[in-house]
């Protein structure tokens, strides 16, 4: 694994619980642009989004990570455990409103918008 991806993982681990998580998302988004074929940034974004209650968006990024690299165990684990009430009781599928949609937009100037539809 490249050093910048290891640094990104460490950064996300350190700042995961920050109330202002937009800087974390911006750093991950830059990594996605730099390494579009890597599952790691998608998995990390899924973790950050899940931590902040954005279940549907988190699942989208876990799925993207698995699609990019089906052998990347952390993304597979996160995707499966999201739907397991033992690991994330607040996010089990029976607590999610069916038809609920979330959209994450990151503009070129770094502004982040989350829309709940």
N, C-alpha and C. Protein backbone atom coordinates (compact mmCIF):
# COMPACT_ATOMS: atom_id res chain seq x y z
N UNK A 1 0.85 -1.17 0.00
CA UNK A 1 0.00 0.00 0.00
C UNK A 1 0.90 1.24 0.00
N UNK A 2 0.52 2.23 -0.77
CA UNK A 2 1.33 3.43 -0.89
C UNK A 2 1.28 4.27 0.38
N UNK A 3 2.35 5.04 0.58
CA UNK A 3 2.44 5.86 1.79
C UNK A 3 1.30 6.86 1.92
N UNK A 4 0.88 7.49 0.79
CA UNK A 4 -0.18 8.49 0.93
C UNK A 4 -1.51 7.86 1.33
N UNK A 5 -1.75 6.62 0.95
CA UNK A 5 -2.97 5.94 1.40
C UNK A 5 -2.86 5.56 2.88
N UNK A 6 -1.67 5.15 3.30
CA UNK A 6 -1.46 4.86 4.73
C UNK A 6 -1.64 6.13 5.56
N UNK A 7 -1.11 7.24 5.06
CA UNK A 7 -1.28 8.52 5.75
C UNK A 7 -2.75 8.91 5.82
N UNK A 8 -3.49 8.66 4.74
CA UNK A 8 -4.92 8.97 4.72
C UNK A 8 -5.66 8.13 5.76
N UNK A 9 -5.34 6.86 5.85
CA UNK A 9 -5.97 5.98 6.84
C UNK A 9 -5.71 6.51 8.25
N UNK A 10 -4.46 6.87 8.52
CA UNK A 10 -4.11 7.40 9.84
C UNK A 10 -4.84 8.72 10.12
N UNK A 11 -4.94 9.57 9.11
CA UNK A 11 -5.63 10.85 9.26
C UNK A 11 -7.10 10.63 9.61
N UNK A 12 -7.74 9.73 8.87
CA UNK A 12 -9.16 9.45 9.11
C UNK A 12 -9.35 8.86 10.51
N UNK A 13 -8.49 7.93 10.90
CA UNK A 13 -8.59 7.35 12.25
C UNK A 13 -8.47 8.42 13.32
N UNK A 14 -7.57 9.37 13.12
CA UNK A 14 -7.34 10.43 14.10
C UNK A 14 -8.51 11.41 14.17
N UNK A 15 -9.13 11.69 13.03
CA UNK A 15 -10.14 12.75 12.96
C UNK A 15 -11.56 12.23 12.77
N UNK A 16 -11.77 10.94 12.93
CA UNK A 16 -13.08 10.34 12.67
C UNK A 16 -14.18 10.93 13.52
N UNK A 17 -13.88 11.27 14.74
CA UNK A 17 -14.93 11.77 15.64
C UNK A 17 -15.00 13.29 15.68
N UNK A 18 -14.24 13.98 14.82
CA UNK A 18 -14.33 15.44 14.78
C UNK A 18 -15.74 15.87 14.42
N UNK A 19 -16.24 16.90 15.10
CA UNK A 19 -17.58 17.39 14.77
C UNK A 19 -17.58 18.04 13.39
N UNK A 20 -16.47 18.66 13.01
CA UNK A 20 -16.35 19.23 11.67
C UNK A 20 -15.65 18.20 10.79
N UNK A 21 -16.44 17.28 10.27
CA UNK A 21 -15.86 16.19 9.48
C UNK A 21 -15.70 16.55 8.02
N UNK A 22 -16.03 17.79 7.64
CA UNK A 22 -15.90 18.19 6.24
C UNK A 22 -14.45 18.15 5.76
N UNK A 23 -13.50 18.50 6.63
CA UNK A 23 -12.09 18.43 6.23
C UNK A 23 -11.66 17.00 5.97
N UNK A 24 -12.18 16.08 6.74
CA UNK A 24 -11.87 14.66 6.52
C UNK A 24 -12.42 14.22 5.17
N UNK A 25 -13.66 14.60 4.88
CA UNK A 25 -14.27 14.22 3.61
C UNK A 25 -13.52 14.85 2.44
N UNK A 26 -13.09 16.10 2.59
CA UNK A 26 -12.33 16.76 1.52
C UNK A 26 -11.03 16.01 1.23
N UNK A 27 -10.34 15.61 2.28
CA UNK A 27 -9.07 14.88 2.12
C UNK A 27 -9.32 13.54 1.42
N UNK A 28 -10.39 12.87 1.77
CA UNK A 28 -10.73 11.60 1.13
C UNK A 28 -11.09 11.83 -0.33
N UNK A 29 -11.86 12.89 -0.60
CA UNK A 29 -12.27 13.19 -1.98
C UNK A 29 -11.06 13.47 -2.86
N UNK A 30 -10.07 14.16 -2.33
CA UNK A 30 -8.83 14.40 -3.08
C UNK A 30 -8.12 13.09 -3.38
N UNK A 31 -8.13 12.18 -2.43
CA UNK A 31 -7.52 10.88 -2.64
C UNK A 31 -8.28 10.08 -3.70
N UNK A 32 -9.60 10.18 -3.70
CA UNK A 32 -10.40 9.50 -4.72
C UNK A 32 -10.05 10.02 -6.11
N UNK A 33 -9.88 11.34 -6.23
CA UNK A 33 -9.52 11.93 -7.52
C UNK A 33 -8.13 11.48 -7.95
N UNK A 34 -7.23 11.36 -6.99
CA UNK A 34 -5.85 10.97 -7.27
C UNK A 34 -5.72 9.48 -7.57
N UNK A 35 -6.54 8.66 -6.91
CA UNK A 35 -6.48 7.20 -7.06
C UNK A 35 -7.88 6.65 -7.34
N UNK A 36 -8.42 6.93 -8.53
CA UNK A 36 -9.81 6.54 -8.82
C UNK A 36 -10.06 5.04 -8.81
N UNK A 37 -9.02 4.24 -8.95
CA UNK A 37 -9.19 2.78 -8.97
C UNK A 37 -8.97 2.12 -7.61
N UNK A 38 -8.76 2.93 -6.57
CA UNK A 38 -8.49 2.38 -5.24
C UNK A 38 -9.78 2.24 -4.43
N UNK A 39 -9.91 1.11 -3.78
CA UNK A 39 -11.07 0.86 -2.91
C UNK A 39 -10.93 1.58 -1.57
N UNK A 40 -9.71 1.89 -1.18
CA UNK A 40 -9.46 2.43 0.16
C UNK A 40 -10.17 3.75 0.43
N UNK A 41 -10.07 4.76 -0.45
CA UNK A 41 -10.77 6.02 -0.15
C UNK A 41 -12.29 5.84 -0.03
N UNK A 42 -12.86 4.99 -0.88
CA UNK A 42 -14.31 4.75 -0.79
C UNK A 42 -14.68 4.10 0.54
N UNK A 43 -13.88 3.15 0.98
CA UNK A 43 -14.14 2.51 2.26
C UNK A 43 -14.03 3.51 3.40
N UNK A 44 -13.00 4.35 3.36
CA UNK A 44 -12.83 5.36 4.41
C UNK A 44 -13.98 6.36 4.42
N UNK A 45 -14.41 6.78 3.24
CA UNK A 45 -15.55 7.71 3.19
C UNK A 45 -16.80 7.04 3.74
N UNK A 46 -16.98 5.77 3.43
CA UNK A 46 -18.12 5.05 3.99
C UNK A 46 -18.09 5.03 5.51
N UNK A 47 -16.91 4.84 6.08
CA UNK A 47 -16.77 4.82 7.54
C UNK A 47 -17.13 6.18 8.13
N UNK A 48 -16.62 7.26 7.53
CA UNK A 48 -16.90 8.61 8.03
C UNK A 48 -18.39 8.92 7.93
N UNK A 49 -18.99 8.59 6.79
CA UNK A 49 -20.42 8.86 6.60
C UNK A 49 -21.26 8.06 7.58
N UNK A 50 -20.90 6.80 7.79
CA UNK A 50 -21.63 5.97 8.74
C UNK A 50 -21.53 6.54 10.14
N UNK A 51 -20.34 6.97 10.52
CA UNK A 51 -20.12 7.54 11.85
C UNK A 51 -21.01 8.75 12.09
N UNK A 52 -21.33 9.47 11.02
CA UNK A 52 -22.14 10.67 11.15
C UNK A 52 -23.60 10.45 10.73
N UNK A 53 -24.01 9.18 10.70
CA UNK A 53 -25.42 8.84 10.52
C UNK A 53 -25.93 8.84 9.09
N UNK A 54 -25.04 8.87 8.12
CA UNK A 54 -25.46 8.89 6.72
C UNK A 54 -25.33 7.48 6.13
N UNK A 55 -26.22 6.61 6.59
CA UNK A 55 -26.18 5.18 6.29
C UNK A 55 -26.21 4.90 4.78
N UNK A 56 -27.17 5.48 4.07
CA UNK A 56 -27.31 5.17 2.65
C UNK A 56 -26.07 5.57 1.86
N UNK A 57 -25.55 6.75 2.14
CA UNK A 57 -24.32 7.19 1.47
C UNK A 57 -23.14 6.29 1.83
N UNK A 58 -23.06 5.91 3.09
CA UNK A 58 -21.99 5.01 3.52
C UNK A 58 -22.05 3.70 2.74
N UNK A 59 -23.23 3.12 2.65
CA UNK A 59 -23.38 1.86 1.92
C UNK A 59 -22.98 2.01 0.46
N UNK A 60 -23.32 3.16 -0.16
CA UNK A 60 -22.92 3.40 -1.55
C UNK A 60 -21.40 3.31 -1.70
N UNK A 61 -20.68 3.87 -0.75
CA UNK A 61 -19.22 3.88 -0.86
C UNK A 61 -18.61 2.54 -0.48
N UNK A 62 -19.22 1.81 0.45
CA UNK A 62 -18.75 0.45 0.72
C UNK A 62 -18.94 -0.42 -0.53
N UNK A 63 -20.09 -0.26 -1.19
CA UNK A 63 -20.34 -1.03 -2.41
C UNK A 63 -19.34 -0.65 -3.51
N UNK A 64 -19.07 0.65 -3.63
CA UNK A 64 -18.09 1.10 -4.64
C UNK A 64 -16.72 0.49 -4.36
N UNK A 65 -16.33 0.46 -3.10
CA UNK A 65 -15.03 -0.11 -2.73
C UNK A 65 -14.98 -1.59 -3.10
N UNK A 66 -16.04 -2.32 -2.82
CA UNK A 66 -16.09 -3.75 -3.15
C UNK A 66 -16.09 -3.95 -4.66
N UNK A 67 -16.78 -3.07 -5.39
CA UNK A 67 -16.79 -3.17 -6.85
C UNK A 67 -15.39 -2.93 -7.43
N UNK A 68 -14.66 -2.00 -6.84
CA UNK A 68 -13.30 -1.72 -7.31
C UNK A 68 -12.32 -2.83 -6.96
N UNK A 69 -12.51 -3.43 -5.79
CA UNK A 69 -11.62 -4.51 -5.36
C UNK A 69 -12.39 -5.50 -4.49
N UNK A 70 -12.95 -6.54 -5.11
CA UNK A 70 -13.74 -7.52 -4.36
C UNK A 70 -12.96 -8.24 -3.27
N UNK A 71 -11.63 -8.19 -3.31
CA UNK A 71 -10.82 -8.86 -2.30
C UNK A 71 -10.45 -7.95 -1.13
N UNK A 72 -10.87 -6.70 -1.17
CA UNK A 72 -10.53 -5.76 -0.10
C UNK A 72 -11.42 -6.04 1.10
N UNK A 73 -10.89 -6.79 2.04
CA UNK A 73 -11.64 -7.29 3.20
C UNK A 73 -12.31 -6.21 4.04
N UNK A 74 -11.64 -5.08 4.35
CA UNK A 74 -12.31 -4.08 5.19
C UNK A 74 -13.63 -3.58 4.60
N UNK A 75 -13.68 -3.36 3.30
CA UNK A 75 -14.92 -2.88 2.68
C UNK A 75 -16.01 -3.95 2.73
N UNK A 76 -15.63 -5.19 2.47
CA UNK A 76 -16.61 -6.29 2.57
C UNK A 76 -17.15 -6.39 3.98
N UNK A 77 -16.27 -6.34 4.95
CA UNK A 77 -16.68 -6.42 6.36
C UNK A 77 -17.61 -5.26 6.73
N UNK A 78 -17.23 -4.04 6.33
CA UNK A 78 -18.05 -2.88 6.68
C UNK A 78 -19.42 -2.95 6.04
N UNK A 79 -19.47 -3.39 4.79
CA UNK A 79 -20.76 -3.49 4.11
C UNK A 79 -21.66 -4.51 4.79
N UNK A 80 -21.11 -5.65 5.14
CA UNK A 80 -21.89 -6.70 5.80
C UNK A 80 -22.28 -6.29 7.21
N UNK A 81 -21.34 -5.73 7.95
CA UNK A 81 -21.63 -5.39 9.35
C UNK A 81 -22.59 -4.21 9.47
N UNK A 82 -22.70 -3.39 8.44
CA UNK A 82 -23.67 -2.28 8.47
C UNK A 82 -25.09 -2.80 8.66
N UNK A 83 -25.33 -3.94 8.10
CA UNK A 83 -26.69 -4.48 8.16
C UNK A 83 -26.86 -5.48 9.29
N UNK A 84 -25.86 -5.60 10.15
CA UNK A 84 -25.93 -6.52 11.28
C UNK A 84 -26.17 -5.73 12.56
N UNK A 85 -27.34 -5.87 13.18
CA UNK A 85 -27.66 -5.10 14.39
C UNK A 85 -26.68 -5.32 15.54
N UNK A 86 -25.93 -6.43 15.53
CA UNK A 86 -24.94 -6.65 16.59
C UNK A 86 -23.84 -5.59 16.54
N UNK A 87 -23.48 -5.18 15.31
CA UNK A 87 -22.39 -4.23 15.14
C UNK A 87 -22.88 -2.78 15.11
N UNK A 88 -23.95 -2.55 14.41
CA UNK A 88 -24.49 -1.19 14.27
C UNK A 88 -26.00 -1.22 14.47
N UNK A 89 -26.46 -1.35 15.71
CA UNK A 89 -27.89 -1.50 15.94
C UNK A 89 -28.70 -0.34 15.41
N UNK A 90 -28.13 0.85 15.39
CA UNK A 90 -28.88 2.00 14.91
C UNK A 90 -29.02 2.00 13.40
N UNK A 91 -28.23 1.20 12.71
CA UNK A 91 -28.23 1.23 11.26
C UNK A 91 -28.69 -0.07 10.62
N UNK A 92 -29.32 -0.95 11.37
CA UNK A 92 -29.78 -2.19 10.75
C UNK A 92 -30.89 -1.86 9.76
N UNK A 93 -31.05 -2.69 8.75
CA UNK A 93 -31.97 -2.37 7.65
C UNK A 93 -33.40 -2.18 8.12
N UNK A 94 -33.79 -2.81 9.21
CA UNK A 94 -35.17 -2.64 9.66
C UNK A 94 -35.41 -1.29 10.34
N UNK A 95 -34.36 -0.50 10.54
CA UNK A 95 -34.55 0.84 11.10
C UNK A 95 -34.45 1.92 10.04
N UNK A 96 -34.12 1.54 8.82
CA UNK A 96 -33.97 2.52 7.74
C UNK A 96 -35.31 2.68 7.03
N UNK A 97 -35.68 3.91 6.78
CA UNK A 97 -36.93 4.18 6.08
C UNK A 97 -36.73 3.79 4.62
N UNK A 98 -37.58 2.92 4.14
CA UNK A 98 -37.48 2.49 2.75
C UNK A 98 -37.73 3.68 1.83
N UNK A 99 -36.96 3.77 0.77
CA UNK A 99 -37.11 4.86 -0.18
C UNK A 99 -36.34 6.10 0.21
N UNK A 100 -35.71 6.10 1.36
CA UNK A 100 -34.92 7.24 1.78
C UNK A 100 -33.66 7.34 0.92
N UNK A 101 -33.36 8.54 0.46
CA UNK A 101 -32.20 8.75 -0.38
C UNK A 101 -31.36 9.88 0.17
N UNK A 102 -30.06 9.73 0.08
CA UNK A 102 -29.13 10.78 0.50
C UNK A 102 -28.18 11.03 -0.65
N UNK A 103 -27.81 12.29 -0.84
CA UNK A 103 -26.89 12.65 -1.91
C UNK A 103 -25.79 13.52 -1.33
N UNK A 104 -24.55 13.18 -1.62
CA UNK A 104 -23.39 13.93 -1.16
C UNK A 104 -22.79 14.63 -2.37
N UNK A 105 -22.59 15.95 -2.26
CA UNK A 105 -21.98 16.72 -3.33
C UNK A 105 -20.76 17.45 -2.78
N UNK A 106 -19.64 17.30 -3.45
CA UNK A 106 -18.43 18.03 -3.09
C UNK A 106 -18.06 18.89 -4.29
N UNK A 107 -18.10 20.22 -4.13
CA UNK A 107 -17.80 21.13 -5.22
C UNK A 107 -16.29 21.33 -5.35
N UNK A 108 -15.87 21.94 -6.45
CA UNK A 108 -14.44 22.16 -6.69
C UNK A 108 -13.80 23.02 -5.61
N UNK A 109 -14.58 23.92 -5.02
CA UNK A 109 -14.01 24.78 -3.97
C UNK A 109 -14.06 24.10 -2.60
N UNK A 110 -14.50 22.85 -2.55
CA UNK A 110 -14.44 22.07 -1.32
C UNK A 110 -15.68 22.14 -0.45
N UNK A 111 -16.73 22.81 -0.91
CA UNK A 111 -17.97 22.84 -0.12
C UNK A 111 -18.67 21.50 -0.22
N UNK A 112 -19.23 21.07 0.90
CA UNK A 112 -19.89 19.77 0.97
C UNK A 112 -21.36 19.98 1.30
N UNK A 113 -22.21 19.30 0.54
CA UNK A 113 -23.65 19.37 0.77
C UNK A 113 -24.20 17.96 0.85
N UNK A 114 -25.01 17.70 1.86
CA UNK A 114 -25.71 16.42 1.97
C UNK A 114 -27.19 16.73 1.88
N UNK A 115 -27.86 16.08 0.93
CA UNK A 115 -29.29 16.29 0.73
C UNK A 115 -30.02 15.00 1.08
N UNK A 116 -31.05 15.11 1.90
CA UNK A 116 -31.90 13.96 2.24
C UNK A 116 -33.18 14.10 1.43
N UNK A 117 -33.48 13.08 0.63
CA UNK A 117 -34.68 13.12 -0.21
C UNK A 117 -35.67 12.11 0.31
